[in-house]
C-alpha atoms as a PDB file:
ATOM      1  CA  MET A   1      -0.661  31.578 -46.707  1.00  0.00           C
ATOM      2  CA  LYS A   2      -3.499  31.000 -44.233  1.00  0.00           C
ATOM      3  CA  HIS A   3      -3.851  27.439 -45.512  1.00  0.00           C
ATOM      4  CA  ILE A   4      -0.164  26.736 -44.847  1.00  0.00           C
ATOM      5  CA  LYS A   5      -0.426  28.113 -41.298  1.00  0.00           C
ATOM      6  CA  SER A   6      -3.520  26.002 -40.618  1.00  0.00           C
ATOM      7  CA  CYS A   7      -1.795  22.873 -41.888  1.00  0.00           C
ATOM      8  CA  ALA A   8       1.323  23.633 -39.855  1.00  0.00           C
ATOM      9  CA  LEU A   9      -0.776  24.139 -36.733  1.00  0.00           C
ATOM     10  CA  ALA A  10      -2.649  20.876 -37.333  1.00  0.00           C
ATOM     11  CA  CYS A  11       0.646  19.009 -37.829  1.00  0.00           C
ATOM     12  CA  LEU A  12       2.105  20.550 -34.681  1.00  0.00           C
ATOM     13  CA  LEU A  13      -0.950  19.525 -32.642  1.00  0.00           C
ATOM     14  CA  ALA A  14      -0.812  15.992 -34.042  1.00  0.00           C
ATOM     15  CA  CYS A  15       2.879  15.734 -33.131  1.00  0.00           C
ATOM     16  CA  LEU A  16       2.209  16.967 -29.600  1.00  0.00           C
ATOM     17  CA  VAL A  17      -0.618  14.485 -29.100  1.00  0.00           C
ATOM     18  CA  MET A  18       1.561  11.606 -30.354  1.00  0.00           C
ATOM     19  CA  ALA A  19       4.460  12.699 -28.150  1.00  0.00           C
ATOM     20  CA  CYS A  20       2.232  12.910 -25.069  1.00  0.00           C
ATOM     21  CA  THR A  21       0.707   9.514 -25.826  1.00  0.00           C
ATOM     22  CA  SER A  22       4.155   8.028 -26.316  1.00  0.00           C
ATOM     23  CA  GLU A  23       5.426   9.557 -23.064  1.00  0.00           C
ATOM     24  CA  THR A  24       2.374   8.297 -21.166  1.00  0.00           C
ATOM     25  CA  ARG A  25       2.915   4.813 -22.589  1.00  0.00           C
ATOM     26  CA  HIS A  26       6.623   4.906 -21.701  1.00  0.00           C
ATOM     27  CA  SER A  27       5.813   6.052 -18.177  1.00  0.00           C
ATOM     28  CA  ALA A  28       3.246   3.264 -17.755  1.00  0.00           C
ATOM     29  CA  ASN A  29       5.723   0.654 -19.015  1.00  0.00           C
ATOM     30  CA  ARG A  30       8.372   1.920 -16.609  1.00  0.00           C
ATOM     31  CA  GLU A  31       5.931   1.912 -13.693  1.00  0.00           C
ATOM     32  CA  VAL A  32       4.833  -1.684 -14.388  1.00  0.00           C
ATOM     33  CA  GLU A  33       8.472  -2.773 -14.850  1.00  0.00           C
ATOM     34  CA  GLU A  34       9.428  -1.238 -11.490  1.00  0.00           C
ATOM     35  CA  PHE A  35       6.459  -2.926  -9.835  1.00  0.00           C
ATOM     36  CA  SER A  36       7.434  -6.207 -11.474  1.00  0.00           C
ATOM     37  CA  ALA A  37      10.881  -5.908  -9.887  1.00  0.00           C
ATOM     38  CA  TRP A  38       9.229  -5.217  -6.512  1.00  0.00           C
ATOM     39  CA  VAL A  39       7.069  -8.336  -6.916  1.00  0.00           C
ATOM     40  CA  ASP A  40      10.138 -10.436  -7.845  1.00  0.00           C
ATOM     41  CA  GLU A  41      12.018  -9.248  -4.774  1.00  0.00           C
ATOM     42  CA  ASN A  42       9.119  -9.670  -2.373  1.00  0.00           C
ATOM     43  CA  SER A  43       8.120 -13.046  -3.779  1.00  0.00           C
ATOM     44  CA  LYS A  44      11.548 -14.292  -2.725  1.00  0.00           C
ATOM     45  CA  ARG A  45      11.298 -12.559   0.664  1.00  0.00           C
ATOM     46  CA  ALA A  46       7.872 -14.113   1.252  1.00  0.00           C
ATOM     47  CA  GLU A  47       9.447 -17.572   1.393  1.00  0.00           C
ATOM     48  CA  THR A  48      11.032 -16.784   4.764  1.00  0.00           C
ATOM     49  CA  ALA A  49       8.961 -13.846   6.019  1.00  0.00           C
ATOM     50  CA  THR A  50       7.140 -13.949   9.306  1.00  0.00           C
ATOM     51  CA  GLU A  51       3.380 -13.713   9.171  1.00  0.00           C
ATOM     52  CA  GLU A  52       3.597 -10.069  10.268  1.00  0.00           C
ATOM     53  CA  GLU A  53       6.117  -9.255   7.515  1.00  0.00           C
ATOM     54  CA  TRP A  54       3.938 -11.078   5.011  1.00  0.00           C
ATOM     55  CA  ASN A  55       0.877  -9.063   6.038  1.00  0.00           C
ATOM     56  CA  GLU A  56       2.872  -5.847   5.517  1.00  0.00           C
ATOM     57  CA  MET A  57       4.029  -7.013   2.065  1.00  0.00           C
ATOM     58  CA  GLU A  58       0.496  -7.921   1.091  1.00  0.00           C
ATOM     59  CA  ALA A  59      -0.826  -4.529   2.216  1.00  0.00           C
ATOM     60  CA  GLU A  60       1.922  -2.755   0.284  1.00  0.00           C
ATOM     61  CA  TYR A  61       1.178  -4.836  -2.814  1.00  0.00           C
ATOM     62  CA  ASN A  62      -2.521  -4.008  -2.613  1.00  0.00           C
ATOM     63  CA  TYR A  63      -1.822  -0.286  -2.233  1.00  0.00           C
ATOM     64  CA  LYS A  64       0.709  -0.154  -5.095  1.00  0.00           C
ATOM     65  CA  ALA A  65      -1.415  -2.297  -7.407  1.00  0.00           C
ATOM     66  CA  THR A  66      -4.457  -0.101  -6.830  1.00  0.00           C
ATOM     67  CA  GLU A  67      -2.483   3.066  -7.558  1.00  0.00           C
ATOM     68  CA  ILE A  68      -0.979   1.632 -10.745  1.00  0.00           C
ATOM     69  CA  GLU A  69      -4.279   0.215 -12.010  1.00  0.00           C
ATOM     70  CA  LYS A  70      -5.861   3.672 -11.779  1.00  0.00           C
ATOM     71  CA  ARG A  71      -3.778   4.602 -14.826  1.00  0.00           C
ATOM     72  CA  SER A  72      -4.411   1.396 -16.791  1.00  0.00           C
ATOM     73  CA  ALA A  73      -6.630   3.107 -19.381  1.00  0.00           C
ATOM     74  CA  ASP A  74      -3.459   4.522 -20.967  1.00  0.00           C
ATOM     75  CA  TRP A  75      -1.672   1.173 -21.263  1.00  0.00           C
ATOM     76  CA  ASP A  76      -0.729  -0.457 -24.528  1.00  0.00           C
ATOM     77  CA  ASP A  77      -1.129  -4.209 -25.101  1.00  0.00           C
ATOM     78  CA  GLN A  78       2.450  -4.950 -24.049  1.00  0.00           C
ATOM     79  CA  THR A  79       1.999  -3.170 -20.708  1.00  0.00           C
ATOM     80  CA  LYS A  80      -1.319  -4.952 -20.113  1.00  0.00           C
ATOM     81  CA  ALA A  81       0.315  -8.324 -20.794  1.00  0.00           C
ATOM     82  CA  GLU A  82       3.202  -7.517 -18.437  1.00  0.00           C
ATOM     83  CA  TRP A  83       0.706  -6.429 -15.774  1.00  0.00           C
ATOM     84  CA  GLU A  84      -1.145  -9.745 -16.027  1.00  0.00           C
ATOM     85  CA  LYS A  85       2.141 -11.643 -15.605  1.00  0.00           C
ATOM     86  CA  VAL A  86       2.966  -9.599 -12.503  1.00  0.00           C
ATOM     87  CA  ARG A  87      -0.486 -10.218 -11.008  1.00  0.00           C
ATOM     88  CA  THR A  88      -0.242 -13.951 -11.734  1.00  0.00           C
ATOM     89  CA  GLN A  89       3.201 -14.127 -10.133  1.00  0.00           C
ATOM     90  CA  TRP A  90       1.926 -12.383  -7.005  1.00  0.00           C
ATOM     91  CA  GLN A  91      -1.132 -14.659  -6.775  1.00  0.00           C
ATOM     92  CA  GLU A  92       1.203 -17.663  -6.897  1.00  0.00           C
ATOM     93  CA  THR A  93       3.235 -16.079  -4.096  1.00  0.00           C
ATOM     94  CA  VAL A  94       0.064 -15.536  -2.068  1.00  0.00           C
ATOM     95  CA  GLY A  95      -0.857 -19.186  -2.528  1.00  0.00           C
ATOM     96  CA  ARG A  96       2.572 -20.415  -1.385  1.00  0.00           C
ATOM     97  CA  ALA A  97       2.617 -18.059   1.610  1.00  0.00           C
ATOM     98  CA  ASN A  98      -0.881 -19.058   2.709  1.00  0.00           C
ATOM     99  CA  THR A  99       0.023 -22.733   2.403  1.00  0.00           C
ATOM    100  CA  ARG A 100       3.178 -22.175   4.448  1.00  0.00           C
ATOM    101  CA  PHE A 101       1.323 -20.302   7.194  1.00  0.00           C
ATOM    102  CA  ARG A 102      -1.481 -22.893   7.306  1.00  0.00           C
ATOM    103  CA  ALA A 103       1.123 -25.657   7.677  1.00  0.00           C
ATOM    104  CA  THR A 104       2.758 -23.725  10.516  1.00  0.00           C
ATOM    105  CA  ASP A 105      -0.595 -23.257  12.260  1.00  0.00           C
ATOM    106  CA  GLU A 106      -1.388 -26.967  12.021  1.00  0.00           C
ATOM    107  CA  GLU A 107       1.877 -28.230  13.527  1.00  0.00           C
ATOM    108  CA  PRO A 108       1.211 -30.006  16.800  1.00  0.00           C
ATOM    109  CA  GLU A 109       2.535 -28.263  19.846  1.00  0.00           C
ATOM    110  CA  PHE A 110       4.894 -30.108  22.107  1.00  0.00           C
ATOM    111  CA  GLU A 111       3.103 -31.492  25.104  1.00  0.00           C
ATOM    112  CA  VAL A 112       4.777 -32.569  28.254  1.00  0.00           C
ATOM    113  CA  GLU A 113       3.421 -35.921  29.389  1.00  0.00           C
ATOM    114  CA  PRO A 114       3.167 -36.485  33.137  1.00  0.00           C
ATOM    115  CA  GLU A 115       5.622 -39.032  34.401  1.00  0.00           C
ATOM    116  CA  GLU A 116       4.154 -42.351  35.468  1.00  0.00           C
ATOM    117  CA  GLY A 117       4.763 -43.645  38.964  1.00  0.00           C
ATOM    118  CA  GLY A 118       6.170 -40.385  40.205  1.00  0.00           C
ATOM    119  CA  GLN A 119       3.816 -40.299  43.188  1.00  0.00           C
END
């Protein structure tokens, strides 16, 4: 009888551990999927954002990414792969935004030429 109780307890513990691991994995997948949607949305917004708006988006990205990465030890391979795609997409967005802002900074300003013979 004691042996049956010990086996039942061991099985129950194993089930609980698997359920917790599965829930943690599901939560991580959901969190990365939600962040992926945020990156999609803000990558599109970045195309027309002002430099101030872009700086705010970049700060928000950095904060969210740091918070999510703190829990990366619990991720499965699928979540890790999705995370890398999200990071790559954002880095491409950063590159396009920086190029756009550099081009804007380099545009010549309009200068008013003095009129000749106006004296």
